[in-house]
């Protein structure tokens, strides 16, 4: 048995447009921004269940949106999602990078939030 939940929606963009993306989404959503240490992540919004909208400054690559699913058992969650059709494509710093059946990227990450216990779904 393990638990997981959608933890963050990330807007990823390369360095040459990152500042413009942060300014756009802050303006579009009418909120302030909260940069995280390291100049990689900027929190744009947090919703009632603790799910966050975050901008991630990429080192390169194309702009995209991806989801992070946080879990208390990374191996079990990856196994559950691959059984549903996901494909593991890599990993970094404890995160497992996957593609969904349409090829969209998402990540499975260890618990990172204070709201995990209140919002997680329990899986057999």
N, C-alpha and C. Protein backbone atom coordinates (compact mmCIF):
# COMPACT_ATOMS: atom_id res chain seq x y z
N UNK A 1 0.85 -1.18 0.00
CA UNK A 1 0.00 0.00 0.00
C UNK A 1 0.89 1.23 0.00
N UNK A 2 0.52 2.22 -0.84
CA UNK A 2 1.25 3.48 -0.86
C UNK A 2 0.27 4.60 -1.18
N UNK A 3 0.77 5.83 -1.09
CA UNK A 3 -0.07 7.00 -1.36
C UNK A 3 0.61 7.91 -2.37
N UNK A 4 -0.22 8.66 -3.13
CA UNK A 4 0.31 9.64 -4.07
C UNK A 4 -0.73 10.72 -4.32
N UNK A 5 -0.25 11.81 -4.92
CA UNK A 5 -1.16 12.90 -5.29
C UNK A 5 -0.47 13.83 -6.27
N UNK A 6 -1.26 14.57 -7.04
CA UNK A 6 -0.72 15.62 -7.89
C UNK A 6 -0.21 16.71 -6.96
N UNK A 7 1.07 17.06 -7.10
CA UNK A 7 1.66 18.05 -6.20
C UNK A 7 1.92 19.37 -6.89
N UNK A 8 2.35 19.34 -8.14
CA UNK A 8 2.71 20.60 -8.80
C UNK A 8 2.50 20.49 -10.30
N UNK A 9 2.06 21.59 -10.88
CA UNK A 9 2.01 21.78 -12.32
C UNK A 9 3.14 22.73 -12.65
N UNK A 10 4.06 22.30 -13.50
CA UNK A 10 5.23 23.11 -13.83
C UNK A 10 5.15 23.63 -15.26
N UNK A 11 5.39 24.92 -15.41
CA UNK A 11 5.56 25.54 -16.71
C UNK A 11 7.07 25.64 -16.90
N UNK A 12 7.60 24.89 -17.84
CA UNK A 12 9.04 24.85 -18.09
C UNK A 12 9.36 25.73 -19.29
N UNK A 13 10.41 26.53 -19.17
CA UNK A 13 10.83 27.32 -20.33
C UNK A 13 12.34 27.51 -20.32
N UNK A 14 12.92 27.64 -21.52
CA UNK A 14 14.36 27.86 -21.62
C UNK A 14 14.74 29.26 -21.13
N UNK A 15 16.01 29.45 -20.83
CA UNK A 15 16.45 30.71 -20.21
C UNK A 15 16.08 31.98 -20.96
N UNK A 16 16.11 31.95 -22.29
CA UNK A 16 15.88 33.18 -23.05
C UNK A 16 14.44 33.71 -22.95
N UNK A 17 13.50 32.89 -22.49
CA UNK A 17 12.12 33.36 -22.33
C UNK A 17 11.60 33.18 -20.91
N UNK A 18 12.44 32.71 -20.00
CA UNK A 18 11.98 32.39 -18.64
C UNK A 18 11.41 33.60 -17.91
N UNK A 19 12.09 34.73 -17.93
CA UNK A 19 11.58 35.91 -17.22
C UNK A 19 10.25 36.39 -17.80
N UNK A 20 10.13 36.33 -19.12
CA UNK A 20 8.88 36.73 -19.76
C UNK A 20 7.75 35.78 -19.39
N UNK A 21 8.04 34.49 -19.29
CA UNK A 21 7.02 33.51 -18.88
C UNK A 21 6.53 33.78 -17.46
N UNK A 22 7.46 34.02 -16.55
CA UNK A 22 7.08 34.30 -15.16
C UNK A 22 6.22 35.56 -15.11
N UNK A 23 6.63 36.62 -15.80
CA UNK A 23 5.87 37.87 -15.80
C UNK A 23 4.48 37.66 -16.41
N UNK A 24 4.41 36.90 -17.50
CA UNK A 24 3.13 36.65 -18.15
C UNK A 24 2.17 35.92 -17.22
N UNK A 25 2.62 34.79 -16.64
CA UNK A 25 1.72 33.99 -15.82
C UNK A 25 1.37 34.68 -14.51
N UNK A 26 2.27 35.45 -13.95
CA UNK A 26 1.94 36.23 -12.75
C UNK A 26 0.85 37.24 -13.09
N UNK A 27 0.98 37.90 -14.24
CA UNK A 27 -0.03 38.86 -14.67
C UNK A 27 -1.34 38.20 -15.04
N UNK A 28 -1.27 37.07 -15.74
CA UNK A 28 -2.48 36.37 -16.16
C UNK A 28 -3.29 35.88 -14.97
N UNK A 29 -2.60 35.46 -13.91
CA UNK A 29 -3.28 34.92 -12.74
C UNK A 29 -3.52 35.96 -11.66
N UNK A 30 -2.96 37.14 -11.84
CA UNK A 30 -3.21 38.23 -10.90
C UNK A 30 -2.53 38.09 -9.56
N UNK A 31 -1.46 37.32 -9.51
CA UNK A 31 -0.80 37.12 -8.22
C UNK A 31 0.65 37.52 -8.24
N UNK A 32 1.22 37.54 -7.07
CA UNK A 32 2.65 37.77 -6.95
C UNK A 32 3.39 36.48 -7.22
N UNK A 33 4.69 36.58 -7.26
CA UNK A 33 5.51 35.40 -7.49
C UNK A 33 6.43 35.19 -6.30
N UNK A 34 6.78 33.96 -6.05
CA UNK A 34 7.68 33.60 -4.96
C UNK A 34 8.84 32.81 -5.52
N UNK A 35 9.98 33.49 -5.78
CA UNK A 35 11.14 32.73 -6.28
C UNK A 35 11.67 31.79 -5.20
N UNK A 36 12.08 30.61 -5.62
CA UNK A 36 12.72 29.67 -4.72
C UNK A 36 14.23 29.85 -4.83
N UNK A 37 14.97 29.46 -3.81
CA UNK A 37 16.42 29.59 -3.88
C UNK A 37 17.00 28.87 -5.10
N UNK A 38 18.02 29.45 -5.70
CA UNK A 38 18.68 28.80 -6.81
C UNK A 38 18.24 29.32 -8.17
N UNK A 39 17.25 30.18 -8.25
CA UNK A 39 16.81 30.79 -9.50
C UNK A 39 16.29 29.79 -10.52
N UNK A 40 15.91 28.58 -10.08
CA UNK A 40 15.37 27.60 -11.01
C UNK A 40 13.85 27.59 -10.98
N UNK A 41 13.27 27.72 -9.79
CA UNK A 41 11.81 27.60 -9.62
C UNK A 41 11.22 28.91 -9.11
N UNK A 42 10.03 29.24 -9.61
CA UNK A 42 9.27 30.39 -9.13
C UNK A 42 7.83 29.93 -8.92
N UNK A 43 7.33 30.04 -7.70
CA UNK A 43 5.95 29.65 -7.41
C UNK A 43 5.02 30.77 -7.88
N UNK A 44 4.05 30.41 -8.72
CA UNK A 44 3.12 31.37 -9.29
C UNK A 44 1.77 31.36 -8.58
N UNK A 45 1.37 30.21 -8.04
CA UNK A 45 0.08 30.10 -7.35
C UNK A 45 0.06 28.82 -6.53
N UNK A 46 -0.74 28.83 -5.48
CA UNK A 46 -1.00 27.63 -4.69
C UNK A 46 -2.50 27.55 -4.48
N UNK A 47 -3.07 26.39 -4.80
CA UNK A 47 -4.51 26.21 -4.67
C UNK A 47 -4.84 25.54 -3.34
N UNK A 48 -6.11 25.54 -2.97
CA UNK A 48 -6.59 25.08 -1.68
C UNK A 48 -6.12 23.72 -1.24
N UNK A 49 -5.93 22.80 -2.16
CA UNK A 49 -5.49 21.46 -1.80
C UNK A 49 -3.97 21.37 -1.66
N UNK A 50 -3.29 22.51 -1.84
CA UNK A 50 -1.85 22.53 -1.75
C UNK A 50 -1.14 22.29 -3.07
N UNK A 51 -1.89 22.09 -4.17
CA UNK A 51 -1.28 21.94 -5.48
C UNK A 51 -0.76 23.30 -5.92
N UNK A 52 0.48 23.29 -6.43
CA UNK A 52 1.12 24.54 -6.82
C UNK A 52 1.28 24.64 -8.34
N UNK A 53 1.28 25.88 -8.82
CA UNK A 53 1.68 26.19 -10.19
C UNK A 53 3.05 26.84 -10.08
N UNK A 54 4.04 26.24 -10.71
CA UNK A 54 5.43 26.67 -10.57
C UNK A 54 6.06 26.82 -11.94
N UNK A 55 6.88 27.85 -12.10
CA UNK A 55 7.69 27.99 -13.31
C UNK A 55 9.06 27.38 -13.04
N UNK A 56 9.55 26.60 -14.00
CA UNK A 56 10.88 26.02 -13.92
C UNK A 56 11.73 26.54 -15.07
N UNK A 57 12.83 27.17 -14.72
CA UNK A 57 13.78 27.66 -15.73
C UNK A 57 14.65 26.49 -16.17
N UNK A 58 14.51 26.10 -17.44
CA UNK A 58 15.29 25.00 -18.00
C UNK A 58 16.67 25.50 -18.40
N UNK A 59 17.61 24.59 -18.49
CA UNK A 59 18.94 24.94 -19.01
C UNK A 59 18.93 24.98 -20.53
N UNK A 60 17.98 24.31 -21.13
CA UNK A 60 17.84 24.24 -22.58
C UNK A 60 16.55 23.51 -22.89
N UNK A 61 16.33 23.24 -24.14
CA UNK A 61 15.13 22.50 -24.53
C UNK A 61 13.97 23.41 -24.85
N UNK A 62 12.84 22.78 -25.09
CA UNK A 62 11.64 23.49 -25.51
C UNK A 62 10.72 23.78 -24.33
N UNK A 63 9.91 24.80 -24.47
CA UNK A 63 8.90 25.12 -23.47
C UNK A 63 7.86 24.00 -23.43
N UNK A 64 7.34 23.73 -22.23
CA UNK A 64 6.35 22.68 -22.06
C UNK A 64 5.69 22.87 -20.70
N UNK A 65 4.68 22.09 -20.45
CA UNK A 65 4.05 22.00 -19.13
C UNK A 65 4.19 20.55 -18.70
N UNK A 66 4.54 20.32 -17.45
CA UNK A 66 4.57 18.95 -16.96
C UNK A 66 4.05 18.88 -15.53
N UNK A 67 3.65 17.70 -15.12
CA UNK A 67 3.08 17.46 -13.80
C UNK A 67 4.07 16.69 -12.94
N UNK A 68 4.04 16.97 -11.64
CA UNK A 68 4.77 16.15 -10.67
C UNK A 68 3.76 15.45 -9.77
N UNK A 69 3.90 14.15 -9.64
CA UNK A 69 3.11 13.36 -8.71
C UNK A 69 4.03 13.02 -7.55
N UNK A 70 3.64 13.42 -6.34
CA UNK A 70 4.47 13.08 -5.17
C UNK A 70 3.91 11.83 -4.51
N UNK A 71 4.82 11.05 -3.91
CA UNK A 71 4.43 9.77 -3.35
C UNK A 71 5.30 9.40 -2.16
N UNK A 72 4.76 8.55 -1.31
CA UNK A 72 5.55 8.05 -0.18
C UNK A 72 6.27 6.75 -0.53
N UNK A 73 6.12 6.26 -1.79
CA UNK A 73 6.83 5.07 -2.25
C UNK A 73 7.04 5.20 -3.76
N UNK A 74 8.18 5.76 -4.14
CA UNK A 74 8.45 6.05 -5.54
C UNK A 74 8.39 4.78 -6.40
N UNK A 75 9.01 3.71 -5.95
CA UNK A 75 9.01 2.47 -6.75
C UNK A 75 7.60 1.95 -6.99
N UNK A 76 6.78 1.95 -5.95
CA UNK A 76 5.41 1.45 -6.09
C UNK A 76 4.59 2.35 -7.02
N UNK A 77 4.77 3.66 -6.92
CA UNK A 77 4.01 4.57 -7.78
C UNK A 77 4.45 4.44 -9.23
N UNK A 78 5.74 4.33 -9.47
CA UNK A 78 6.22 4.14 -10.85
C UNK A 78 5.67 2.82 -11.41
N UNK A 79 5.66 1.77 -10.61
CA UNK A 79 5.11 0.49 -11.06
C UNK A 79 3.63 0.62 -11.39
N UNK A 80 2.89 1.34 -10.56
CA UNK A 80 1.46 1.54 -10.80
C UNK A 80 1.23 2.29 -12.11
N UNK A 81 2.01 3.33 -12.34
CA UNK A 81 1.82 4.16 -13.52
C UNK A 81 2.31 3.47 -14.80
N UNK A 82 3.38 2.70 -14.72
CA UNK A 82 3.82 1.97 -15.91
C UNK A 82 2.81 0.88 -16.27
N UNK A 83 2.15 0.31 -15.27
CA UNK A 83 1.09 -0.67 -15.55
C UNK A 83 -0.08 -0.02 -16.29
N UNK A 84 -0.25 1.29 -16.09
CA UNK A 84 -1.31 2.03 -16.78
C UNK A 84 -0.90 2.50 -18.17
N UNK A 85 0.40 2.35 -18.51
CA UNK A 85 0.86 2.73 -19.84
C UNK A 85 1.98 3.75 -19.89
N UNK A 86 2.44 4.24 -18.75
CA UNK A 86 3.56 5.18 -18.73
C UNK A 86 4.86 4.46 -19.05
N UNK A 87 5.85 5.23 -19.50
CA UNK A 87 7.17 4.69 -19.83
C UNK A 87 8.21 5.53 -19.09
N UNK A 88 9.11 4.87 -18.37
CA UNK A 88 10.20 5.56 -17.68
C UNK A 88 11.22 6.01 -18.72
N UNK A 89 11.62 7.30 -18.64
CA UNK A 89 12.60 7.83 -19.60
C UNK A 89 13.85 8.37 -18.92
N UNK A 90 13.90 8.39 -17.60
CA UNK A 90 15.09 8.87 -16.91
C UNK A 90 14.80 9.23 -15.48
N UNK A 91 15.70 10.00 -14.92
CA UNK A 91 15.53 10.44 -13.55
C UNK A 91 16.63 11.40 -13.15
N UNK A 92 16.40 12.10 -12.03
CA UNK A 92 17.36 13.08 -11.53
C UNK A 92 16.99 13.47 -10.11
N UNK A 93 17.95 13.44 -9.20
CA UNK A 93 17.75 13.89 -7.82
C UNK A 93 16.54 13.26 -7.14
N UNK A 94 16.33 11.97 -7.30
CA UNK A 94 15.22 11.28 -6.65
C UNK A 94 13.91 11.31 -7.42
N UNK A 95 13.85 12.09 -8.51
CA UNK A 95 12.66 12.15 -9.35
C UNK A 95 12.80 11.13 -10.48
N UNK A 96 11.69 10.48 -10.84
CA UNK A 96 11.66 9.58 -11.98
C UNK A 96 10.88 10.28 -13.08
N UNK A 97 11.49 10.39 -14.26
CA UNK A 97 10.87 11.06 -15.41
C UNK A 97 10.18 10.00 -16.25
N UNK A 98 8.94 10.29 -16.62
CA UNK A 98 8.14 9.35 -17.40
C UNK A 98 7.45 10.07 -18.54
N UNK A 99 6.98 9.29 -19.50
CA UNK A 99 6.08 9.78 -20.54
C UNK A 99 4.75 9.07 -20.36
N UNK A 100 3.66 9.81 -20.54
CA UNK A 100 2.34 9.18 -20.53
C UNK A 100 2.12 8.54 -21.90
N UNK A 101 0.98 7.87 -22.13
CA UNK A 101 0.78 7.21 -23.42
C UNK A 101 0.85 8.14 -24.64
N UNK A 102 0.58 9.43 -24.46
CA UNK A 102 0.67 10.38 -25.57
C UNK A 102 2.08 10.96 -25.73
N UNK A 103 3.00 10.59 -24.83
CA UNK A 103 4.36 11.10 -24.90
C UNK A 103 4.62 12.34 -24.07
N UNK A 104 3.63 12.77 -23.29
CA UNK A 104 3.81 13.94 -22.44
C UNK A 104 4.65 13.57 -21.22
N UNK A 105 5.56 14.47 -20.85
CA UNK A 105 6.45 14.21 -19.73
C UNK A 105 5.76 14.50 -18.40
N UNK A 106 6.05 13.70 -17.41
CA UNK A 106 5.66 13.96 -16.03
C UNK A 106 6.67 13.29 -15.12
N UNK A 107 6.65 13.64 -13.85
CA UNK A 107 7.62 13.11 -12.91
C UNK A 107 6.93 12.52 -11.70
N UNK A 108 7.55 11.51 -11.12
CA UNK A 108 7.17 10.98 -9.82
C UNK A 108 8.28 11.39 -8.86
N UNK A 109 7.89 12.06 -7.78
CA UNK A 109 8.86 12.60 -6.83
C UNK A 109 8.52 12.14 -5.42
N UNK A 110 9.52 12.06 -4.54
CA UNK A 110 9.24 11.76 -3.14
C UNK A 110 8.42 12.90 -2.52
N UNK A 111 7.80 12.63 -1.39
CA UNK A 111 7.00 13.64 -0.70
C UNK A 111 7.84 14.90 -0.49
N UNK A 112 7.26 16.05 -0.89
CA UNK A 112 7.94 17.33 -0.79
C UNK A 112 7.10 18.40 -0.09
N UNK A 113 5.83 18.11 0.14
CA UNK A 113 4.94 19.16 0.63
C UNK A 113 4.39 18.85 2.01
N UNK A 114 3.96 19.90 2.68
CA UNK A 114 3.32 19.75 3.99
C UNK A 114 1.87 19.30 3.87
N UNK A 115 1.30 19.36 2.68
CA UNK A 115 -0.11 19.02 2.49
C UNK A 115 -0.31 17.60 1.96
N UNK A 116 0.76 16.82 1.85
CA UNK A 116 0.66 15.48 1.28
C UNK A 116 -0.34 14.61 2.05
N UNK A 117 -0.20 14.53 3.36
CA UNK A 117 -1.05 13.63 4.15
C UNK A 117 -2.53 13.92 3.99
N UNK A 118 -2.89 15.19 3.88
CA UNK A 118 -4.29 15.56 3.79
C UNK A 118 -4.89 15.31 2.41
N UNK A 119 -4.04 15.26 1.37
CA UNK A 119 -4.57 15.22 0.02
C UNK A 119 -4.26 13.93 -0.74
N UNK A 120 -3.43 13.06 -0.23
CA UNK A 120 -2.99 11.88 -0.98
C UNK A 120 -4.07 10.82 -1.09
N UNK A 121 -4.03 10.11 -2.21
CA UNK A 121 -4.89 8.96 -2.44
C UNK A 121 -4.12 7.70 -2.03
N UNK A 122 -4.79 6.78 -1.36
CA UNK A 122 -4.17 5.51 -0.96
C UNK A 122 -4.43 4.47 -2.04
N UNK A 123 -3.35 3.78 -2.45
CA UNK A 123 -3.44 2.75 -3.47
C UNK A 123 -3.10 1.39 -2.86
N UNK A 124 -3.74 0.32 -3.33
CA UNK A 124 -3.43 -1.00 -2.79
C UNK A 124 -2.03 -1.47 -3.13
